[in-house]
Each structure stands twice: as C-alpha cells, then as structure tokens.
N, C-alpha and C. Protein backbone atom coordinates (compact mmCIF):
# COMPACT_ATOMS: atom_id res chain seq x y z
N MET A 1 -20.27 2.76 -13.66
CA MET A 1 -19.11 3.38 -13.06
C MET A 1 -18.04 2.32 -12.84
N ALA A 2 -16.82 2.61 -13.25
CA ALA A 2 -15.76 1.61 -13.22
C ALA A 2 -14.96 1.59 -11.92
N VAL A 3 -15.01 2.67 -11.14
CA VAL A 3 -14.35 2.72 -9.84
C VAL A 3 -15.42 3.02 -8.81
N ILE A 4 -15.66 2.06 -7.93
CA ILE A 4 -16.70 2.22 -6.92
C ILE A 4 -16.05 2.10 -5.54
N VAL A 5 -16.24 3.13 -4.73
CA VAL A 5 -15.70 3.14 -3.37
C VAL A 5 -16.86 2.94 -2.41
N GLN A 6 -16.71 1.93 -1.56
CA GLN A 6 -17.68 1.65 -0.50
C GLN A 6 -16.89 1.47 0.79
N PRO A 7 -17.52 1.52 1.93
CA PRO A 7 -16.77 1.32 3.18
C PRO A 7 -15.99 0.00 3.15
N GLY A 8 -14.68 0.09 3.25
CA GLY A 8 -13.82 -1.08 3.29
C GLY A 8 -13.68 -1.83 1.98
N ARG A 9 -14.20 -1.28 0.90
CA ARG A 9 -14.21 -2.01 -0.37
C ARG A 9 -13.98 -1.06 -1.55
N LEU A 10 -13.16 -1.52 -2.50
CA LEU A 10 -12.92 -0.80 -3.74
C LEU A 10 -13.17 -1.77 -4.88
N THR A 11 -14.02 -1.39 -5.82
CA THR A 11 -14.34 -2.24 -6.97
C THR A 11 -13.84 -1.56 -8.23
N LEU A 12 -13.07 -2.30 -9.03
CA LEU A 12 -12.51 -1.81 -10.29
C LEU A 12 -12.97 -2.70 -11.42
N THR A 13 -13.68 -2.14 -12.39
CA THR A 13 -14.15 -2.94 -13.51
C THR A 13 -13.89 -2.20 -14.81
N GLY A 14 -13.67 -2.96 -15.86
CA GLY A 14 -13.53 -2.37 -17.18
C GLY A 14 -12.10 -2.31 -17.68
N TYR A 15 -11.91 -1.47 -18.66
CA TYR A 15 -10.64 -1.31 -19.37
C TYR A 15 -9.62 -0.59 -18.49
N VAL A 16 -8.38 -1.04 -18.50
CA VAL A 16 -7.32 -0.43 -17.70
C VAL A 16 -6.58 0.62 -18.54
N GLY A 17 -6.60 1.85 -18.08
CA GLY A 17 -5.83 2.90 -18.71
C GLY A 17 -6.63 3.99 -19.35
N GLU A 18 -7.91 3.82 -19.45
CA GLU A 18 -8.78 4.85 -20.02
C GLU A 18 -10.12 4.82 -19.29
N SER A 19 -10.65 5.99 -19.03
CA SER A 19 -11.98 6.06 -18.42
C SER A 19 -13.06 5.92 -19.48
N THR A 20 -12.75 6.40 -20.68
CA THR A 20 -13.71 6.33 -21.77
C THR A 20 -13.02 5.77 -23.01
N ILE A 21 -13.75 5.05 -23.79
CA ILE A 21 -13.24 4.47 -25.03
C ILE A 21 -14.27 4.76 -26.12
N VAL A 22 -13.80 5.20 -27.27
CA VAL A 22 -14.69 5.39 -28.42
C VAL A 22 -14.44 4.25 -29.38
N PHE A 23 -15.48 3.48 -29.65
CA PHE A 23 -15.38 2.32 -30.54
C PHE A 23 -16.52 2.38 -31.53
N ASP A 24 -16.19 2.42 -32.79
CA ASP A 24 -17.20 2.53 -33.85
C ASP A 24 -18.15 3.70 -33.61
N GLY A 25 -17.59 4.81 -33.16
CA GLY A 25 -18.39 6.01 -32.95
C GLY A 25 -19.20 6.04 -31.68
N VAL A 26 -19.11 4.98 -30.87
CA VAL A 26 -19.85 4.92 -29.61
C VAL A 26 -18.88 5.11 -28.46
N THR A 27 -19.21 6.00 -27.53
CA THR A 27 -18.37 6.25 -26.36
C THR A 27 -18.80 5.35 -25.21
N TRP A 28 -17.85 4.61 -24.69
CA TRP A 28 -18.09 3.71 -23.57
C TRP A 28 -17.41 4.28 -22.33
N PHE A 29 -18.12 4.35 -21.23
CA PHE A 29 -17.58 4.84 -19.98
C PHE A 29 -17.36 3.64 -19.06
N ASP A 30 -16.37 2.88 -19.37
CA ASP A 30 -16.16 1.65 -18.62
C ASP A 30 -14.67 1.36 -18.51
N GLY A 31 -14.00 2.11 -17.70
CA GLY A 31 -12.59 1.88 -17.51
C GLY A 31 -12.07 2.68 -16.33
N PHE A 32 -10.79 2.49 -16.04
CA PHE A 32 -10.19 3.20 -14.92
C PHE A 32 -8.70 3.39 -15.17
N THR A 33 -8.19 4.47 -14.63
CA THR A 33 -6.78 4.80 -14.77
C THR A 33 -6.08 4.68 -13.43
N HIS A 34 -4.76 4.70 -13.48
CA HIS A 34 -3.95 4.71 -12.27
C HIS A 34 -4.33 5.90 -11.40
N GLY A 35 -4.48 7.06 -12.01
CA GLY A 35 -4.85 8.27 -11.27
C GLY A 35 -6.19 8.14 -10.57
N GLU A 36 -7.15 7.52 -11.24
CA GLU A 36 -8.47 7.33 -10.63
C GLU A 36 -8.40 6.36 -9.46
N VAL A 37 -7.55 5.34 -9.58
CA VAL A 37 -7.39 4.39 -8.47
C VAL A 37 -6.72 5.08 -7.29
N LEU A 38 -5.70 5.92 -7.56
CA LEU A 38 -5.04 6.66 -6.48
C LEU A 38 -6.04 7.56 -5.77
N ALA A 39 -6.88 8.23 -6.54
CA ALA A 39 -7.91 9.10 -5.94
C ALA A 39 -8.87 8.28 -5.08
N ALA A 40 -9.26 7.12 -5.55
CA ALA A 40 -10.17 6.25 -4.79
C ALA A 40 -9.49 5.77 -3.51
N LEU A 41 -8.21 5.40 -3.61
CA LEU A 41 -7.49 4.96 -2.42
C LEU A 41 -7.37 6.08 -1.39
N GLY A 42 -7.38 7.32 -1.85
CA GLY A 42 -7.34 8.46 -0.95
C GLY A 42 -8.59 8.59 -0.09
N GLU A 43 -9.64 7.87 -0.45
CA GLU A 43 -10.87 7.87 0.34
C GLU A 43 -10.73 7.01 1.60
N PHE A 44 -9.69 6.19 1.65
CA PHE A 44 -9.45 5.30 2.79
C PHE A 44 -8.25 5.81 3.58
N GLU A 45 -8.25 5.52 4.88
CA GLU A 45 -7.04 5.77 5.67
C GLU A 45 -5.97 4.82 5.16
N ASP A 46 -4.70 5.26 5.16
CA ASP A 46 -3.64 4.43 4.60
C ASP A 46 -3.45 3.13 5.36
N ASP A 47 -3.76 3.12 6.66
CA ASP A 47 -3.59 1.90 7.44
C ASP A 47 -4.89 1.10 7.57
N GLU A 48 -5.95 1.54 6.87
CA GLU A 48 -7.24 0.85 6.90
C GLU A 48 -7.20 -0.41 6.05
N ALA A 49 -7.76 -1.49 6.56
CA ALA A 49 -7.87 -2.73 5.78
C ALA A 49 -8.96 -2.55 4.73
N ILE A 50 -8.65 -2.93 3.49
CA ILE A 50 -9.65 -2.85 2.43
C ILE A 50 -9.63 -4.11 1.59
N VAL A 51 -10.73 -4.33 0.91
CA VAL A 51 -10.85 -5.43 -0.04
C VAL A 51 -11.05 -4.81 -1.41
N VAL A 52 -10.26 -5.25 -2.38
CA VAL A 52 -10.35 -4.74 -3.74
C VAL A 52 -10.88 -5.85 -4.64
N HIS A 53 -11.93 -5.57 -5.38
CA HIS A 53 -12.49 -6.52 -6.34
C HIS A 53 -12.19 -6.00 -7.73
N ILE A 54 -11.59 -6.86 -8.57
CA ILE A 54 -11.19 -6.45 -9.92
C ILE A 54 -11.81 -7.39 -10.94
N ASN A 55 -12.36 -6.79 -12.01
CA ASN A 55 -12.81 -7.55 -13.17
C ASN A 55 -12.47 -6.69 -14.40
N SER A 56 -11.39 -7.08 -15.08
CA SER A 56 -10.92 -6.28 -16.21
C SER A 56 -10.35 -7.19 -17.29
N GLY A 57 -10.78 -6.96 -18.50
CA GLY A 57 -10.24 -7.70 -19.63
C GLY A 57 -8.87 -7.20 -20.08
N GLY A 58 -8.37 -6.15 -19.44
CA GLY A 58 -7.04 -5.66 -19.74
C GLY A 58 -7.02 -4.24 -20.23
N GLY A 59 -5.91 -3.89 -20.81
CA GLY A 59 -5.69 -2.53 -21.28
C GLY A 59 -4.20 -2.27 -21.34
N TYR A 60 -3.79 -1.13 -20.83
CA TYR A 60 -2.38 -0.77 -20.82
C TYR A 60 -1.68 -1.49 -19.66
N ALA A 61 -0.69 -2.31 -20.01
CA ALA A 61 0.02 -3.08 -18.99
C ALA A 61 0.75 -2.16 -18.02
N THR A 62 1.27 -1.04 -18.49
CA THR A 62 1.98 -0.13 -17.59
C THR A 62 1.04 0.47 -16.55
N GLU A 63 -0.19 0.76 -16.95
CA GLU A 63 -1.19 1.26 -16.00
C GLU A 63 -1.52 0.17 -14.97
N GLY A 64 -1.69 -1.06 -15.46
CA GLY A 64 -1.97 -2.17 -14.56
C GLY A 64 -0.85 -2.37 -13.55
N ALA A 65 0.38 -2.26 -13.99
CA ALA A 65 1.53 -2.42 -13.10
C ALA A 65 1.57 -1.30 -12.06
N ALA A 66 1.26 -0.08 -12.48
CA ALA A 66 1.25 1.05 -11.55
C ALA A 66 0.14 0.89 -10.51
N ILE A 67 -1.01 0.39 -10.93
CA ILE A 67 -2.12 0.15 -10.01
C ILE A 67 -1.74 -0.93 -9.01
N ARG A 68 -1.13 -1.99 -9.49
CA ARG A 68 -0.69 -3.07 -8.60
C ARG A 68 0.29 -2.54 -7.56
N SER A 69 1.23 -1.70 -7.98
CA SER A 69 2.20 -1.12 -7.04
C SER A 69 1.52 -0.25 -6.00
N ALA A 70 0.55 0.54 -6.43
CA ALA A 70 -0.17 1.40 -5.49
C ALA A 70 -0.89 0.57 -4.43
N LEU A 71 -1.47 -0.54 -4.85
CA LEU A 71 -2.16 -1.42 -3.89
C LEU A 71 -1.17 -2.08 -2.95
N ALA A 72 -0.02 -2.50 -3.48
CA ALA A 72 0.99 -3.19 -2.67
C ALA A 72 1.66 -2.25 -1.67
N GLU A 73 1.76 -0.97 -1.99
CA GLU A 73 2.46 -0.01 -1.13
C GLU A 73 1.63 0.49 0.04
N ARG A 74 0.35 0.18 0.06
CA ARG A 74 -0.49 0.63 1.17
C ARG A 74 -0.03 0.03 2.49
N ALA A 75 -0.13 0.80 3.55
CA ALA A 75 0.26 0.31 4.87
C ALA A 75 -0.76 -0.68 5.42
N GLY A 76 -2.03 -0.45 5.11
CA GLY A 76 -3.09 -1.32 5.60
C GLY A 76 -3.19 -2.61 4.79
N GLN A 77 -3.82 -3.60 5.39
CA GLN A 77 -4.02 -4.86 4.69
C GLN A 77 -4.89 -4.62 3.47
N THR A 78 -4.45 -5.15 2.34
CA THR A 78 -5.18 -4.99 1.08
C THR A 78 -5.37 -6.36 0.46
N ASP A 79 -6.58 -6.87 0.54
CA ASP A 79 -6.90 -8.16 -0.07
C ASP A 79 -7.51 -7.89 -1.44
N VAL A 80 -7.01 -8.60 -2.45
CA VAL A 80 -7.50 -8.42 -3.82
C VAL A 80 -8.15 -9.70 -4.29
N PHE A 81 -9.37 -9.56 -4.82
CA PHE A 81 -10.10 -10.68 -5.38
C PHE A 81 -10.34 -10.39 -6.86
N VAL A 82 -9.97 -11.34 -7.69
CA VAL A 82 -10.21 -11.21 -9.12
C VAL A 82 -11.53 -11.90 -9.43
N GLU A 83 -12.47 -11.10 -9.91
CA GLU A 83 -13.78 -11.62 -10.28
C GLU A 83 -13.84 -11.68 -11.80
N GLY A 84 -13.56 -12.78 -12.34
CA GLY A 84 -13.52 -12.93 -13.80
C GLY A 84 -12.08 -12.98 -14.27
N ILE A 85 -11.52 -11.79 -14.58
CA ILE A 85 -10.15 -11.74 -15.10
C ILE A 85 -9.53 -10.40 -14.72
N ALA A 86 -8.23 -10.38 -14.57
CA ALA A 86 -7.45 -9.15 -14.37
C ALA A 86 -6.28 -9.22 -15.32
N ALA A 87 -6.54 -8.91 -16.58
CA ALA A 87 -5.59 -9.17 -17.64
C ALA A 87 -4.41 -8.20 -17.73
N SER A 88 -4.52 -7.01 -17.22
CA SER A 88 -3.38 -6.10 -17.30
C SER A 88 -2.51 -6.24 -16.08
C-alpha cells in the first residue's frame, strides 16, 4: 500500500501520480495521487501535528507540486522526512 495513515503519521511510497502502473504486462500497485493524499490528510484534524514520510523515485512533477502545496497549506505542524528520495 502506497498511502498509509497511522496516528500522527502519513507514509507515502512509490510512483507519484498513479496508483497502479502496468509495465511489461504486469500491474504494480505502488503509487499515490494528489487525490489520495488529500483523502489521507482528511483523516487528520487540520490543526493536528503530523509527520509525513516520503520515499518516491518520482513521477508526474505536477502531482508532486500539488501534494507539496497540500502539505504546506495545512494549519497544523507538518514535518516531512524523505526516506531515500522524493524525486517529484
């Protein structure tokens, strides 16, 4: 699962901009979209402090920018840790 919501923590892993990718006939379920991140953020109170862990090799830069804006616009403290890479 590429979007994991836990108390006070949001983990985002995989490709940015698609939940599923088909490569050489194989479907991979390892990604997340801006919409999925917004839905996950809805699980938290807007003023709640959260920690976001990201590990993504990239994807659609526009999706990455939209996700970054959503995290920045939260009223609560939002600490982001990059575990590996956050290429988008």
